[in-house]
Amino acid sequence: MKHITRSAFFVALAMSAPSHAQTGDTTPAANEVPHGKSSAAVTPVASLSYTPDLAYGAYQRGYYVTAFKEAMVRIKANEQDAPAMTLIGQLYSEGLTVKRDPAEAARWFKLASDRGDRQATFQLAVAALEGGGIPKDKTYAKQLFEKAAAQGHPGALYNLGVMAVENNGVAPDFVKAADLFRRAALGGDADAAYSLGVLYKQGKGVAHDDKQAAEWLKRAADDHNVAGMVEYAIMLFNGDRIERDETAGAHMMLKAAARNNPVAQNRIARILVAGRGLPKDMIEAMKWHLLARSSGLKDAWLDSQLASLSSQEKQGVDEALRRYVANQ
């Protein structure tokens, strides 16, 4: 389990935007070309009602210059506009339309956090945890995560769960971790759903329950958590306390492999050699094997399968590898 270092998206930014934000010009700045969506942008929590936000809307569409300008207009009109401050912080954090500046990002997150924005508090906690723009301070990070968690931030709850497992190097508090992961998962955090599934599978902090493990791992997999995909695919393929479905398991493992997970690449290579769940395909199998091996995951049996290929088949593997790498 790892601490969240990605941006989880600031729901508050899209909530209850000041009325003046609705009257601005939605036209992007002159000659502004939309960029691809930032990894920070995800779907808002459905249970929270919100008012459309021009600044955040521009951010979502990749018009970062417009997003920056709209947010600054809002802050000038209302010095307490925490969601707009959070957006400015995010733009500095990611280096979008402004030079990436972790210290400036942290300054804006602090301003927004002091005004009650839970996403800003979460982002500031991550900065403190990693030393991003402010001094590294795990104690301060935990305090901030607790503040954001009290406001129901799923990512903060998840991170507190990870901290409970780490427990400053002493005996892990799996009971506390399981409770925090559950609350985070119910709030939509896929990492937490995966972590809770693992705890059920291992019987740590909760009673061992493969059925519960499968349910939480499936939730994580459905939300595109790669580790969850791998674990749930294995359960499907083997029929571990759930109905066995080799085809569904193989397809899910293939999706995880395509996301460059070495374990998934190794498993799908074996599946394709055996022709179980998917048609046998030695060229694709060896492509995935070599990708996994390049990441340090060795497999002597698959090496022997590779050695048995004809020169023409090995050439096909090389071509498949080149195509895959070119498309990444």
Protein backbone atom coordinates (compact mmCIF):
# COMPACT_ATOMS: atom_id res chain seq x y z
CA MET A 1 0.00 0.00 0.00
CA LYS A 2 1.29 3.43 -0.90
CA HIS A 3 0.35 6.89 0.14
CA ILE A 4 -1.63 8.82 -2.43
CA THR A 5 0.73 11.08 -4.33
CA ARG A 6 -1.65 11.76 -7.22
CA SER A 7 -4.20 14.55 -7.24
CA ALA A 8 -7.59 13.12 -6.37
CA PHE A 9 -9.55 16.15 -7.75
CA PHE A 10 -10.94 18.92 -5.68
CA VAL A 11 -14.67 18.39 -5.45
CA ALA A 12 -15.09 21.63 -3.55
CA LEU A 13 -13.87 23.57 -6.55
CA ALA A 14 -16.98 22.61 -8.46
CA MET A 15 -19.32 23.26 -5.54
CA SER A 16 -21.29 26.41 -4.88
CA ALA A 17 -19.27 28.71 -7.10
CA PRO A 18 -19.85 32.41 -6.31
CA SER A 19 -22.53 34.00 -8.45
CA HIS A 20 -20.06 36.32 -10.16
CA ALA A 21 -18.33 33.27 -11.63
CA GLN A 22 -21.45 32.51 -13.63
CA THR A 23 -21.37 35.78 -15.51
CA GLY A 24 -17.84 35.61 -16.87
CA ASP A 25 -16.84 35.00 -20.48
CA THR A 26 -16.65 31.27 -21.17
CA THR A 27 -14.68 31.84 -24.38
CA PRO A 28 -11.10 30.51 -24.06
CA ALA A 29 -8.30 33.03 -24.19
CA ALA A 30 -7.24 34.03 -27.69
CA ASN A 31 -5.20 31.32 -29.44
CA GLU A 32 -5.55 29.03 -26.43
CA VAL A 33 -5.34 25.40 -27.47
CA PRO A 34 -6.95 22.88 -25.10
CA HIS A 35 -4.52 20.45 -23.53
CA GLY A 36 -5.26 16.85 -22.63
CA LYS A 37 -7.11 16.34 -19.39
CA SER A 38 -4.97 16.49 -16.32
CA SER A 39 -4.66 13.31 -14.29
CA ALA A 40 -6.11 15.33 -11.44
CA ALA A 41 -9.50 15.57 -13.08
CA VAL A 42 -11.96 12.84 -12.21
CA THR A 43 -15.72 12.68 -11.90
CA PRO A 44 -17.12 14.60 -8.91
CA VAL A 45 -18.75 12.61 -6.12
CA ALA A 46 -22.29 12.06 -7.38
CA SER A 47 -23.93 12.56 -4.00
CA LEU A 48 -22.70 16.15 -3.75
CA SER A 49 -24.73 18.80 -5.54
CA TYR A 50 -22.70 21.56 -7.14
CA THR A 51 -23.07 24.65 -9.26
CA PRO A 52 -21.24 24.82 -12.60
CA ASP A 53 -17.92 26.60 -12.25
CA LEU A 54 -16.37 28.44 -15.20
CA ALA A 55 -12.82 28.21 -13.86
CA TYR A 56 -13.02 24.51 -13.11
CA GLY A 57 -14.95 23.87 -16.33
CA ALA A 58 -12.11 25.46 -18.32
CA TYR A 59 -9.62 23.37 -16.34
CA GLN A 60 -11.52 20.19 -17.15
CA ARG A 61 -11.53 20.99 -20.86
CA GLY A 62 -7.81 21.76 -20.89
CA TYR A 63 -8.11 25.56 -21.21
CA TYR A 64 -5.65 26.27 -18.44
CA VAL A 65 -5.01 29.94 -19.26
CA THR A 66 -8.74 30.60 -19.02
CA ALA A 67 -8.97 28.55 -15.82
CA PHE A 68 -6.18 30.59 -14.24
CA LYS A 69 -7.69 33.91 -15.28
CA GLU A 70 -11.21 32.99 -14.13
CA ALA A 71 -9.91 31.79 -10.77
CA MET A 72 -7.94 35.00 -10.23
CA VAL A 73 -11.01 37.09 -11.13
CA ARG A 74 -12.96 35.21 -8.48
CA ILE A 75 -10.27 35.70 -5.85
CA LYS A 76 -10.07 39.42 -6.61
CA ALA A 77 -13.84 39.66 -6.13
CA ASN A 78 -13.85 37.49 -3.03
CA GLU A 79 -10.70 37.02 -0.96
CA GLN A 80 -12.36 34.07 0.81
CA ASP A 81 -12.93 32.01 -2.39
CA ALA A 82 -11.14 28.86 -1.26
CA PRO A 83 -12.08 26.65 -4.26
CA ALA A 84 -10.56 29.19 -6.67
CA MET A 85 -7.40 29.26 -4.55
CA THR A 86 -7.25 25.48 -4.70
CA LEU A 87 -7.42 25.61 -8.48
CA ILE A 88 -4.56 28.13 -8.62
CA GLY A 89 -2.56 25.83 -6.37
CA GLN A 90 -3.29 22.88 -8.63
CA LEU A 91 -2.15 24.77 -11.72
CA TYR A 92 1.14 25.65 -10.01
CA SER A 93 1.49 22.08 -8.75
CA GLU A 94 1.14 20.63 -12.23
CA GLY A 95 2.88 23.43 -14.09
CA LEU A 96 -0.15 24.18 -16.27
CA THR A 97 -0.02 27.61 -17.98
CA VAL A 98 2.44 28.67 -15.26
CA LYS A 99 5.87 27.37 -14.38
CA ARG A 100 5.65 24.40 -12.04
CA ASP A 101 6.32 25.72 -8.55
CA PRO A 102 5.64 23.36 -5.60
CA ALA A 103 6.30 26.14 -3.06
CA GLU A 104 3.80 28.48 -4.71
CA ALA A 105 1.32 25.62 -5.02
CA ALA A 106 1.68 24.88 -1.30
CA ARG A 107 1.15 28.56 -0.49
CA TRP A 108 -2.17 28.59 -2.36
CA PHE A 109 -3.21 25.27 -0.83
CA LYS A 110 -2.49 26.69 2.62
CA LEU A 111 -4.60 29.76 1.90
CA ALA A 112 -7.48 27.59 0.70
CA SER A 113 -7.10 25.11 3.54
CA ASP A 114 -7.26 27.91 6.10
CA ARG A 115 -10.59 28.85 4.51
CA GLY A 116 -11.98 25.33 4.86
CA ASP A 117 -11.34 23.69 1.48
CA ARG A 118 -10.86 19.99 2.13
CA GLN A 119 -9.08 19.25 -1.16
CA ALA A 120 -6.56 22.00 -0.49
CA THR A 121 -6.00 20.51 2.96
CA PHE A 122 -5.43 17.11 1.37
CA GLN A 123 -3.01 18.52 -1.20
CA LEU A 124 -1.10 20.38 1.50
CA ALA A 125 -0.90 17.14 3.50
CA VAL A 126 0.60 15.34 0.50
CA ALA A 127 3.11 18.17 0.12
CA ALA A 128 4.10 17.84 3.78
CA LEU A 129 4.34 14.07 3.47
CA GLU A 130 6.69 14.30 0.49
CA GLY A 131 8.43 17.59 1.17
CA GLY A 132 6.93 19.11 -1.95
CA GLY A 133 7.34 22.86 -1.69
CA ILE A 134 7.31 22.81 2.11
CA PRO A 135 9.51 20.98 4.64
CA LYS A 136 8.85 17.27 4.91
CA ASP A 137 6.88 16.72 8.11
CA LYS A 138 4.94 13.50 8.63
CA THR A 139 3.37 14.70 11.86
CA TYR A 140 2.04 17.83 10.18
CA ALA A 141 0.90 15.74 7.21
CA LYS A 142 -1.07 13.47 9.52
CA GLN A 143 -2.73 16.45 11.19
CA LEU A 144 -3.78 17.76 7.80
CA PHE A 145 -5.04 14.36 6.66
CA GLU A 146 -7.10 14.18 9.85
CA LYS A 147 -8.53 17.64 9.15
CA ALA A 148 -9.49 16.65 5.60
CA ALA A 149 -10.80 13.28 6.76
CA ALA A 150 -13.08 15.03 9.23
CA GLN A 151 -14.60 16.71 6.18
CA GLY A 152 -15.07 13.32 4.52
CA HIS A 153 -12.17 13.40 2.05
CA PRO A 154 -11.70 9.79 0.80
CA GLY A 155 -8.02 10.25 -0.07
CA ALA A 156 -7.25 11.58 3.40
CA LEU A 157 -9.04 8.63 5.01
CA TYR A 158 -7.03 6.26 2.83
CA ASN A 159 -3.72 7.87 3.76
CA LEU A 160 -4.58 7.68 7.45
CA GLY A 161 -5.25 3.98 6.90
CA VAL A 162 -1.79 3.56 5.38
CA MET A 163 -0.31 5.41 8.34
CA ALA A 164 -2.14 3.05 10.70
CA VAL A 165 -0.53 0.10 8.90
CA GLU A 166 2.90 1.72 9.10
CA ASN A 167 2.25 2.84 12.70
CA ASN A 168 5.66 4.52 12.98
CA GLY A 169 7.47 1.23 12.63
CA VAL A 170 5.73 -0.54 15.52
CA ALA A 171 2.97 -3.16 15.38
CA PRO A 172 0.51 -2.25 12.59
CA ASP A 173 -2.99 -1.27 13.68
CA PHE A 174 -4.90 -3.28 11.07
CA VAL A 175 -8.25 -2.82 12.83
CA LYS A 176 -7.97 0.95 12.57
CA ALA A 177 -6.65 0.68 9.03
CA ALA A 178 -9.58 -1.51 7.95
CA ASP A 179 -12.09 0.99 9.32
CA LEU A 180 -10.38 3.89 7.55
CA PHE A 181 -10.06 1.98 4.28
CA ARG A 182 -13.75 1.05 4.43
CA ARG A 183 -14.80 4.66 4.94
CA ALA A 184 -12.52 5.82 2.14
CA ALA A 185 -13.73 3.07 -0.19
CA LEU A 186 -17.36 3.96 0.47
CA GLY A 187 -16.40 7.48 -0.52
CA GLY A 188 -15.15 6.22 -3.86
CA ASP A 189 -11.42 5.69 -3.31
CA ALA A 190 -10.27 2.72 -5.41
CA ASP A 191 -6.93 2.35 -3.59
CA ALA A 192 -8.83 1.98 -0.34
CA ALA A 193 -11.18 -0.61 -1.84
CA TYR A 194 -8.16 -2.63 -2.98
CA SER A 195 -6.47 -2.31 0.41
CA LEU A 196 -9.61 -3.41 2.25
CA GLY A 197 -9.94 -6.38 -0.10
CA VAL A 198 -6.38 -7.40 0.71
CA LEU A 199 -7.08 -7.18 4.45
CA TYR A 200 -10.12 -9.44 4.05
CA LYS A 201 -8.08 -11.86 1.99
CA GLN A 202 -5.33 -11.97 4.62
CA GLY A 203 -7.62 -11.77 7.66
CA LYS A 204 -5.85 -8.72 9.07
CA GLY A 205 -7.94 -6.23 11.02
CA VAL A 206 -11.05 -8.07 9.88
CA ALA A 207 -12.09 -11.72 9.86
CA HIS A 208 -10.78 -13.64 6.86
CA ASP A 209 -13.53 -13.57 4.25
CA ASP A 210 -12.79 -14.37 0.60
CA LYS A 211 -16.28 -13.33 -0.46
CA GLN A 212 -15.81 -9.87 1.05
CA ALA A 213 -12.32 -9.74 -0.41
CA ALA A 214 -13.72 -10.45 -3.86
CA GLU A 215 -16.40 -7.78 -3.51
CA TRP A 216 -13.92 -5.05 -2.56
CA LEU A 217 -11.33 -6.13 -5.10
CA LYS A 218 -14.00 -6.10 -7.80
CA ARG A 219 -14.98 -2.60 -6.75
CA ALA A 220 -11.35 -1.52 -7.04
CA ALA A 221 -10.96 -3.27 -10.40
CA ASP A 222 -14.14 -1.70 -11.77
CA ASP A 223 -12.67 1.67 -10.81
CA HIS A 224 -9.51 0.88 -12.82
CA ASN A 225 -7.22 0.18 -9.87
CA VAL A 226 -4.55 -1.96 -11.55
CA ALA A 227 -3.55 -3.94 -8.46
CA GLY A 228 -7.24 -4.64 -7.86
CA MET A 229 -7.58 -5.84 -11.45
CA VAL A 230 -4.73 -8.32 -10.97
CA GLU A 231 -6.04 -9.72 -7.68
CA TYR A 232 -9.64 -9.97 -8.85
CA ALA A 233 -8.57 -11.51 -12.18
CA ILE A 234 -6.70 -14.23 -10.26
CA MET A 235 -9.77 -14.92 -8.13
CA LEU A 236 -11.97 -15.14 -11.24
CA PHE A 237 -9.55 -17.36 -13.09
CA ASN A 238 -9.10 -19.74 -10.16
CA GLY A 239 -12.66 -19.56 -8.81
CA ASP A 240 -11.53 -18.46 -5.34
CA ARG A 241 -14.84 -18.41 -3.45
CA ILE A 242 -16.50 -16.85 -6.49
CA GLU A 243 -17.84 -18.41 -9.65
CA ARG A 244 -14.95 -19.47 -11.83
CA ASP A 245 -14.72 -17.57 -15.12
CA GLU A 246 -11.41 -18.05 -16.90
CA THR A 247 -12.44 -15.88 -19.84
CA ALA A 248 -13.41 -12.91 -17.69
CA GLY A 249 -10.30 -13.38 -15.57
CA ALA A 250 -8.04 -13.52 -18.62
CA HIS A 251 -9.58 -10.40 -20.15
CA MET A 252 -9.18 -8.47 -16.91
CA MET A 253 -5.57 -9.62 -16.60
CA LEU A 254 -4.97 -8.44 -20.15
CA LYS A 255 -6.31 -4.98 -19.25
CA ALA A 256 -3.95 -4.81 -16.28
CA ALA A 257 -1.03 -5.96 -18.44
CA ALA A 258 -1.78 -3.18 -20.93
CA ARG A 259 -1.38 -0.75 -18.03
CA ASN A 260 2.20 -1.96 -17.66
CA ASN A 261 1.80 -4.04 -14.52
CA PRO A 262 4.65 -6.61 -14.59
CA VAL A 263 2.74 -9.23 -12.58
CA ALA A 264 -0.21 -8.99 -14.95
CA GLN A 265 2.14 -9.19 -17.94
CA ASN A 266 3.69 -12.35 -16.54
CA ARG A 267 0.32 -13.94 -15.78
CA ILE A 268 -1.20 -13.10 -19.16
CA ALA A 269 1.87 -14.55 -20.86
CA ARG A 270 1.26 -17.87 -19.09
CA ILE A 271 -2.44 -17.72 -19.89
CA LEU A 272 -1.75 -17.16 -23.58
CA VAL A 273 0.78 -20.00 -23.71
CA ALA A 274 -1.79 -22.33 -22.12
CA GLY A 275 -4.67 -21.02 -24.22
CA ARG A 276 -7.01 -20.82 -21.23
CA GLY A 277 -9.57 -18.04 -21.17
CA LEU A 278 -8.07 -16.65 -24.36
CA PRO A 279 -6.91 -18.38 -27.55
CA LYS A 280 -3.34 -19.64 -27.47
CA ASP A 281 -1.00 -17.03 -28.95
CA MET A 282 2.71 -17.61 -28.50
CA ILE A 283 3.79 -14.34 -30.09
CA GLU A 284 1.59 -12.22 -27.82
CA ALA A 285 2.54 -14.40 -24.85
CA MET A 286 6.25 -13.82 -25.40
CA LYS A 287 5.69 -10.11 -25.96
CA TRP A 288 4.16 -9.85 -22.51
CA HIS A 289 6.83 -12.12 -21.03
CA LEU A 290 9.65 -9.92 -22.34
CA LEU A 291 7.93 -6.79 -21.05
CA ALA A 292 7.57 -8.34 -17.60
CA ARG A 293 11.16 -9.55 -17.69
CA SER A 294 12.41 -6.08 -18.61
CA SER A 295 10.78 -4.89 -15.37
CA GLY A 296 12.71 -7.49 -13.39
CA LEU A 297 10.11 -10.26 -13.20
CA LYS A 298 11.94 -13.39 -14.33
CA ASP A 299 10.27 -16.66 -15.32
CA ALA A 300 12.44 -19.61 -16.33
CA TRP A 301 9.51 -21.59 -17.73
CA LEU A 302 8.49 -18.77 -20.04
CA ASP A 303 12.15 -18.37 -21.04
CA SER A 304 12.10 -21.99 -22.15
CA GLN A 305 8.95 -21.36 -24.17
CA LEU A 306 10.61 -18.40 -25.85
CA ALA A 307 13.66 -20.47 -26.71
CA SER A 308 11.46 -23.04 -28.43
CA LEU A 309 10.06 -20.55 -30.94
CA SER A 310 11.09 -20.61 -34.58
CA SER A 311 13.11 -17.75 -36.06
CA GLN A 312 10.00 -16.49 -37.81
CA GLU A 313 8.01 -16.54 -34.54
CA LYS A 314 10.79 -14.70 -32.70
CA GLN A 315 10.73 -12.06 -35.42
CA GLY A 316 6.99 -11.75 -34.86
CA VAL A 317 7.63 -11.21 -31.14
CA ASP A 318 10.14 -8.45 -31.93
CA GLU A 319 7.61 -6.75 -34.20
CA ALA A 320 4.87 -7.03 -31.58
CA LEU A 321 7.18 -5.47 -29.00
CA ARG A 322 8.07 -2.58 -31.29
CA ARG A 323 4.43 -1.86 -31.99
CA TYR A 324 3.56 -1.96 -28.29
CA VAL A 325 6.41 0.38 -27.26
CA ALA A 326 5.63 2.78 -30.13
CA ASN A 327 2.03 3.11 -28.92
CA GLN A 328 2.92 3.86 -25.31
